[in-house]
Amino acid sequence: MSSDSLYPQATPAVGARRKELAPTVDAAFNAFSKAVFADGALPGSTKQLIAVAVAHVTQCPYCIKGHTRLASRAGATDEQIMEAIWVAAEMRAGGAYAHSTLALDVLDGHEHHA
């Protein structure tokens, strides 16, 4: 791990080690990933934009970097990628906003136990 980074680099050696330790699961995951991102009802390019947004919500730095690259290669513009990130930000903030209903329910005495 580099001293200037919180996360180690995802290198081919890391992938090889993962495969060495669990070859069947590694192959199954790779096949699953390939199937998920293949063109279907949604084009692969749209799926990559979704992945960029989800990666920001899950806060996975490897996913953010990888899917941003893949979305760009699939034809997404910088503006589309940033817009997908803004959608993710709104959804994350919106979750806190929506869940305030639970706190208000308690504060309004519906579940308030003094």
N, C-alpha and C. Protein backbone atom coordinates (compact mmCIF):
# COMPACT_ATOMS: atom_id res chain seq x y z
N MET A 1 0.85 -1.18 0.00
CA MET A 1 0.00 0.00 0.00
C MET A 1 0.88 1.23 0.00
N SER A 2 0.55 2.17 -0.82
CA SER A 2 1.28 3.42 -0.91
C SER A 2 1.04 4.25 0.35
N SER A 3 2.07 4.96 0.80
CA SER A 3 1.93 5.76 2.01
C SER A 3 1.06 6.99 1.80
N ASP A 4 0.81 7.35 0.55
CA ASP A 4 0.00 8.54 0.28
C ASP A 4 -1.44 8.20 -0.10
N SER A 5 -1.85 6.97 0.12
CA SER A 5 -3.19 6.57 -0.25
C SER A 5 -3.80 5.69 0.84
N LEU A 6 -5.07 5.91 1.10
CA LEU A 6 -5.79 5.10 2.08
C LEU A 6 -6.06 3.70 1.54
N TYR A 7 -6.21 3.59 0.23
CA TYR A 7 -6.57 2.32 -0.41
C TYR A 7 -5.44 1.82 -1.29
N PRO A 8 -5.11 0.53 -1.20
CA PRO A 8 -4.09 -0.01 -2.10
C PRO A 8 -4.59 -0.03 -3.54
N GLN A 9 -3.66 0.00 -4.47
CA GLN A 9 -4.01 -0.05 -5.89
C GLN A 9 -4.63 -1.41 -6.22
N ALA A 10 -5.64 -1.38 -7.07
CA ALA A 10 -6.21 -2.61 -7.62
C ALA A 10 -5.37 -2.98 -8.83
N THR A 11 -4.51 -3.95 -8.66
CA THR A 11 -3.57 -4.33 -9.71
C THR A 11 -3.93 -5.71 -10.27
N PRO A 12 -3.35 -6.06 -11.41
CA PRO A 12 -3.56 -7.43 -11.91
C PRO A 12 -3.12 -8.49 -10.90
N ALA A 13 -2.10 -8.19 -10.11
CA ALA A 13 -1.65 -9.15 -9.09
C ALA A 13 -2.73 -9.37 -8.03
N VAL A 14 -3.44 -8.33 -7.67
CA VAL A 14 -4.53 -8.46 -6.70
C VAL A 14 -5.62 -9.36 -7.29
N GLY A 15 -5.97 -9.11 -8.54
CA GLY A 15 -6.97 -9.94 -9.21
C GLY A 15 -6.55 -11.40 -9.30
N ALA A 16 -5.27 -11.62 -9.59
CA ALA A 16 -4.76 -12.99 -9.67
C ALA A 16 -4.81 -13.68 -8.31
N ARG A 17 -4.50 -12.94 -7.26
CA ARG A 17 -4.54 -13.51 -5.91
C ARG A 17 -5.97 -13.86 -5.51
N ARG A 18 -6.90 -12.98 -5.85
CA ARG A 18 -8.32 -13.24 -5.57
C ARG A 18 -8.74 -14.54 -6.27
N LYS A 19 -8.35 -14.66 -7.53
CA LYS A 19 -8.71 -15.85 -8.32
C LYS A 19 -8.04 -17.10 -7.75
N GLU A 20 -6.80 -16.97 -7.33
CA GLU A 20 -6.06 -18.10 -6.75
C GLU A 20 -6.75 -18.62 -5.48
N LEU A 21 -7.24 -17.71 -4.66
CA LEU A 21 -7.84 -18.10 -3.38
C LEU A 21 -9.25 -18.64 -3.50
N ALA A 22 -9.98 -18.22 -4.54
CA ALA A 22 -11.37 -18.67 -4.70
C ALA A 22 -11.73 -18.70 -6.18
N PRO A 23 -11.14 -19.62 -6.94
CA PRO A 23 -11.32 -19.60 -8.40
C PRO A 23 -12.76 -19.77 -8.87
N THR A 24 -13.51 -20.63 -8.23
CA THR A 24 -14.89 -20.86 -8.65
C THR A 24 -15.75 -19.63 -8.41
N VAL A 25 -15.62 -19.06 -7.23
CA VAL A 25 -16.40 -17.87 -6.90
C VAL A 25 -15.97 -16.69 -7.77
N ASP A 26 -14.67 -16.56 -8.00
CA ASP A 26 -14.15 -15.49 -8.85
C ASP A 26 -14.74 -15.59 -10.26
N ALA A 27 -14.75 -16.79 -10.81
CA ALA A 27 -15.31 -16.99 -12.15
C ALA A 27 -16.81 -16.70 -12.17
N ALA A 28 -17.51 -17.13 -11.13
CA ALA A 28 -18.95 -16.88 -11.06
C ALA A 28 -19.24 -15.39 -10.96
N PHE A 29 -18.47 -14.68 -10.15
CA PHE A 29 -18.68 -13.24 -10.01
C PHE A 29 -18.41 -12.53 -11.33
N ASN A 30 -17.33 -12.91 -12.01
CA ASN A 30 -17.01 -12.28 -13.29
C ASN A 30 -18.11 -12.54 -14.32
N ALA A 31 -18.65 -13.75 -14.35
CA ALA A 31 -19.75 -14.06 -15.28
C ALA A 31 -21.00 -13.26 -14.91
N PHE A 32 -21.29 -13.16 -13.62
CA PHE A 32 -22.43 -12.37 -13.15
C PHE A 32 -22.28 -10.91 -13.57
N SER A 33 -21.12 -10.35 -13.33
CA SER A 33 -20.87 -8.95 -13.68
C SER A 33 -21.02 -8.72 -15.18
N LYS A 34 -20.47 -9.63 -15.98
CA LYS A 34 -20.58 -9.51 -17.44
C LYS A 34 -22.04 -9.55 -17.87
N ALA A 35 -22.83 -10.45 -17.28
CA ALA A 35 -24.25 -10.55 -17.62
C ALA A 35 -25.02 -9.30 -17.20
N VAL A 36 -24.73 -8.79 -16.02
CA VAL A 36 -25.43 -7.61 -15.51
C VAL A 36 -25.19 -6.40 -16.40
N PHE A 37 -23.97 -6.21 -16.84
CA PHE A 37 -23.63 -5.00 -17.61
C PHE A 37 -23.80 -5.16 -19.12
N ALA A 38 -24.25 -6.33 -19.57
CA ALA A 38 -24.51 -6.52 -21.01
C ALA A 38 -25.75 -5.72 -21.41
N ASP A 39 -25.81 -5.35 -22.67
CA ASP A 39 -27.01 -4.68 -23.18
C ASP A 39 -28.22 -5.58 -22.96
N GLY A 40 -29.29 -4.99 -22.51
CA GLY A 40 -30.54 -5.71 -22.27
C GLY A 40 -31.67 -4.72 -22.42
N ALA A 41 -32.62 -4.73 -21.51
CA ALA A 41 -33.68 -3.72 -21.53
C ALA A 41 -33.06 -2.33 -21.38
N LEU A 42 -31.95 -2.25 -20.66
CA LEU A 42 -31.16 -1.01 -20.57
C LEU A 42 -29.86 -1.23 -21.33
N PRO A 43 -29.43 -0.23 -22.08
CA PRO A 43 -28.13 -0.37 -22.74
C PRO A 43 -27.00 -0.36 -21.70
N GLY A 44 -25.91 -1.02 -22.03
CA GLY A 44 -24.76 -1.08 -21.13
C GLY A 44 -24.28 0.29 -20.70
N SER A 45 -24.36 1.27 -21.58
CA SER A 45 -23.91 2.62 -21.24
C SER A 45 -24.75 3.22 -20.12
N THR A 46 -26.05 2.98 -20.15
CA THR A 46 -26.94 3.46 -19.08
C THR A 46 -26.63 2.73 -17.78
N LYS A 47 -26.37 1.43 -17.88
CA LYS A 47 -26.03 0.65 -16.69
C LYS A 47 -24.75 1.19 -16.04
N GLN A 48 -23.80 1.63 -16.86
CA GLN A 48 -22.56 2.19 -16.30
C GLN A 48 -22.83 3.51 -15.59
N LEU A 49 -23.73 4.32 -16.11
CA LEU A 49 -24.10 5.56 -15.41
C LEU A 49 -24.77 5.24 -14.08
N ILE A 50 -25.63 4.23 -14.07
CA ILE A 50 -26.25 3.80 -12.82
C ILE A 50 -25.16 3.34 -11.84
N ALA A 51 -24.20 2.59 -12.36
CA ALA A 51 -23.12 2.09 -11.51
C ALA A 51 -22.29 3.23 -10.92
N VAL A 52 -22.05 4.27 -11.70
CA VAL A 52 -21.32 5.43 -11.18
C VAL A 52 -22.10 6.04 -10.02
N ALA A 53 -23.40 6.21 -10.20
CA ALA A 53 -24.23 6.79 -9.15
C ALA A 53 -24.23 5.91 -7.90
N VAL A 54 -24.44 4.62 -8.07
CA VAL A 54 -24.48 3.70 -6.93
C VAL A 54 -23.12 3.66 -6.24
N ALA A 55 -22.04 3.69 -7.00
CA ALA A 55 -20.70 3.67 -6.42
C ALA A 55 -20.49 4.86 -5.49
N HIS A 56 -21.06 5.99 -5.85
CA HIS A 56 -20.95 7.16 -4.98
C HIS A 56 -21.78 6.99 -3.71
N VAL A 57 -22.94 6.37 -3.82
CA VAL A 57 -23.77 6.14 -2.64
C VAL A 57 -23.11 5.11 -1.71
N THR A 58 -22.55 4.05 -2.28
CA THR A 58 -21.89 3.04 -1.46
C THR A 58 -20.49 3.48 -1.05
N GLN A 59 -20.01 4.54 -1.64
CA GLN A 59 -18.71 5.14 -1.33
C GLN A 59 -17.55 4.17 -1.54
N CYS A 60 -17.62 3.44 -2.64
CA CYS A 60 -16.56 2.49 -3.00
C CYS A 60 -15.60 3.18 -3.97
N PRO A 61 -14.38 3.53 -3.52
CA PRO A 61 -13.47 4.24 -4.41
C PRO A 61 -13.07 3.44 -5.64
N TYR A 62 -12.95 2.13 -5.49
CA TYR A 62 -12.60 1.29 -6.64
C TYR A 62 -13.72 1.31 -7.67
N CYS A 63 -14.96 1.22 -7.20
CA CYS A 63 -16.12 1.24 -8.09
C CYS A 63 -16.27 2.61 -8.76
N ILE A 64 -16.04 3.67 -8.00
CA ILE A 64 -16.15 5.02 -8.56
C ILE A 64 -15.18 5.16 -9.72
N LYS A 65 -13.91 4.82 -9.49
CA LYS A 65 -12.91 4.96 -10.55
C LYS A 65 -13.21 4.04 -11.73
N GLY A 66 -13.47 2.78 -11.44
CA GLY A 66 -13.68 1.81 -12.52
C GLY A 66 -14.90 2.10 -13.36
N HIS A 67 -16.03 2.38 -12.71
CA HIS A 67 -17.25 2.61 -13.48
C HIS A 67 -17.28 3.98 -14.14
N THR A 68 -16.56 4.96 -13.59
CA THR A 68 -16.44 6.24 -14.28
C THR A 68 -15.68 6.03 -15.59
N ARG A 69 -14.59 5.27 -15.52
CA ARG A 69 -13.84 4.96 -16.76
C ARG A 69 -14.72 4.20 -17.76
N LEU A 70 -15.43 3.18 -17.27
CA LEU A 70 -16.26 2.37 -18.16
C LEU A 70 -17.42 3.18 -18.75
N ALA A 71 -18.02 4.05 -17.96
CA ALA A 71 -19.11 4.90 -18.48
C ALA A 71 -18.58 5.82 -19.56
N SER A 72 -17.41 6.38 -19.34
CA SER A 72 -16.81 7.27 -20.33
C SER A 72 -16.49 6.50 -21.62
N ARG A 73 -15.91 5.32 -21.47
CA ARG A 73 -15.61 4.48 -22.65
C ARG A 73 -16.87 4.07 -23.39
N ALA A 74 -17.98 3.93 -22.65
CA ALA A 74 -19.26 3.54 -23.27
C ALA A 74 -19.95 4.72 -23.94
N GLY A 75 -19.34 5.90 -23.86
CA GLY A 75 -19.89 7.05 -24.56
C GLY A 75 -20.53 8.11 -23.69
N ALA A 76 -20.56 7.90 -22.38
CA ALA A 76 -21.15 8.92 -21.50
C ALA A 76 -20.26 10.16 -21.51
N THR A 77 -20.90 11.30 -21.54
CA THR A 77 -20.15 12.55 -21.49
C THR A 77 -19.79 12.87 -20.04
N ASP A 78 -18.85 13.78 -19.87
CA ASP A 78 -18.50 14.22 -18.53
C ASP A 78 -19.72 14.79 -17.82
N GLU A 79 -20.53 15.52 -18.58
CA GLU A 79 -21.74 16.13 -18.01
C GLU A 79 -22.74 15.06 -17.57
N GLN A 80 -22.90 14.00 -18.35
CA GLN A 80 -23.82 12.91 -17.97
C GLN A 80 -23.33 12.20 -16.72
N ILE A 81 -22.03 11.99 -16.64
CA ILE A 81 -21.46 11.32 -15.46
C ILE A 81 -21.68 12.19 -14.22
N MET A 82 -21.42 13.49 -14.33
CA MET A 82 -21.62 14.37 -13.19
C MET A 82 -23.09 14.45 -12.81
N GLU A 83 -23.97 14.45 -13.80
CA GLU A 83 -25.41 14.48 -13.50
C GLU A 83 -25.84 13.21 -12.76
N ALA A 84 -25.29 12.07 -13.15
CA ALA A 84 -25.59 10.82 -12.44
C ALA A 84 -25.12 10.90 -10.99
N ILE A 85 -23.97 11.53 -10.76
CA ILE A 85 -23.46 11.70 -9.40
C ILE A 85 -24.38 12.61 -8.60
N TRP A 86 -24.90 13.67 -9.24
CA TRP A 86 -25.84 14.56 -8.55
C TRP A 86 -27.13 13.82 -8.19
N VAL A 87 -27.58 12.94 -9.06
CA VAL A 87 -28.77 12.13 -8.74
C VAL A 87 -28.48 11.29 -7.50
N ALA A 88 -27.30 10.68 -7.45
CA ALA A 88 -26.93 9.88 -6.28
C ALA A 88 -26.90 10.74 -5.02
N ALA A 89 -26.35 11.94 -5.13
CA ALA A 89 -26.28 12.83 -3.97
C ALA A 89 -27.68 13.20 -3.48
N GLU A 90 -28.57 13.47 -4.41
CA GLU A 90 -29.94 13.82 -4.03
C GLU A 90 -30.63 12.64 -3.36
N MET A 91 -30.42 11.45 -3.89
CA MET A 91 -31.05 10.26 -3.32
C MET A 91 -30.52 9.99 -1.91
N ARG A 92 -29.24 10.19 -1.72
CA ARG A 92 -28.66 9.97 -0.39
C ARG A 92 -29.22 11.01 0.59
N ALA A 93 -29.25 12.27 0.18
CA ALA A 93 -29.81 13.32 1.03
C ALA A 93 -31.31 13.11 1.22
N GLY A 94 -31.97 12.69 0.15
CA GLY A 94 -33.41 12.45 0.20
C GLY A 94 -33.78 11.36 1.19
N GLY A 95 -32.91 10.37 1.33
CA GLY A 95 -33.16 9.30 2.30
C GLY A 95 -33.22 9.85 3.72
N ALA A 96 -32.28 10.72 4.05
CA ALA A 96 -32.29 11.33 5.38
C ALA A 96 -33.54 12.19 5.56
N TYR A 97 -33.88 12.93 4.53
CA TYR A 97 -35.08 13.78 4.58
C TYR A 97 -36.33 12.92 4.79
N ALA A 98 -36.47 11.87 4.00
CA ALA A 98 -37.65 11.00 4.10
C ALA A 98 -37.72 10.31 5.46
N HIS A 99 -36.58 9.88 5.97
CA HIS A 99 -36.57 9.19 7.25
C HIS A 99 -36.82 10.11 8.43
N SER A 100 -36.80 11.42 8.20
CA SER A 100 -37.16 12.34 9.29
C SER A 100 -38.59 12.06 9.76
N THR A 101 -39.39 11.42 8.92
CA THR A 101 -40.75 11.02 9.30
C THR A 101 -40.72 10.16 10.56
N LEU A 102 -39.73 9.29 10.67
CA LEU A 102 -39.60 8.43 11.85
C LEU A 102 -39.33 9.26 13.10
N ALA A 103 -38.41 10.21 13.01
CA ALA A 103 -38.12 11.06 14.16
C ALA A 103 -39.32 11.91 14.53
N LEU A 104 -40.00 12.45 13.52
CA LEU A 104 -41.18 13.27 13.79
C LEU A 104 -42.28 12.45 14.44
N ASP A 105 -42.41 11.20 14.05
CA ASP A 105 -43.40 10.31 14.64
C ASP A 105 -43.14 10.15 16.14
N VAL A 106 -41.87 9.96 16.49
CA VAL A 106 -41.51 9.85 17.90
C VAL A 106 -41.76 11.17 18.62
N LEU A 107 -41.30 12.28 18.02
CA LEU A 107 -41.46 13.59 18.65
C LEU A 107 -42.91 13.99 18.83
N ASP A 108 -43.75 13.54 17.93
CA ASP A 108 -45.18 13.88 18.01
C ASP A 108 -45.93 12.95 18.96
N GLY A 109 -45.21 12.09 19.67
CA GLY A 109 -45.82 11.28 20.71
C GLY A 109 -46.35 9.94 20.28
N HIS A 110 -46.22 9.60 19.01
CA HIS A 110 -46.74 8.32 18.55
C HIS A 110 -45.93 7.15 19.09
N GLU A 111 -44.67 7.39 19.37
CA GLU A 111 -43.81 6.36 19.95
C GLU A 111 -42.97 6.96 21.08
N HIS A 112 -43.40 8.08 21.60
CA HIS A 112 -42.61 8.81 22.59
C HIS A 112 -42.77 8.19 23.97
N HIS A 113 -41.67 7.79 24.53
CA HIS A 113 -41.67 7.24 25.89
C HIS A 113 -40.78 8.12 26.75
N ALA A 114 -41.38 9.02 27.50
CA ALA A 114 -40.63 9.99 28.31
C ALA A 114 -39.86 9.38 29.38
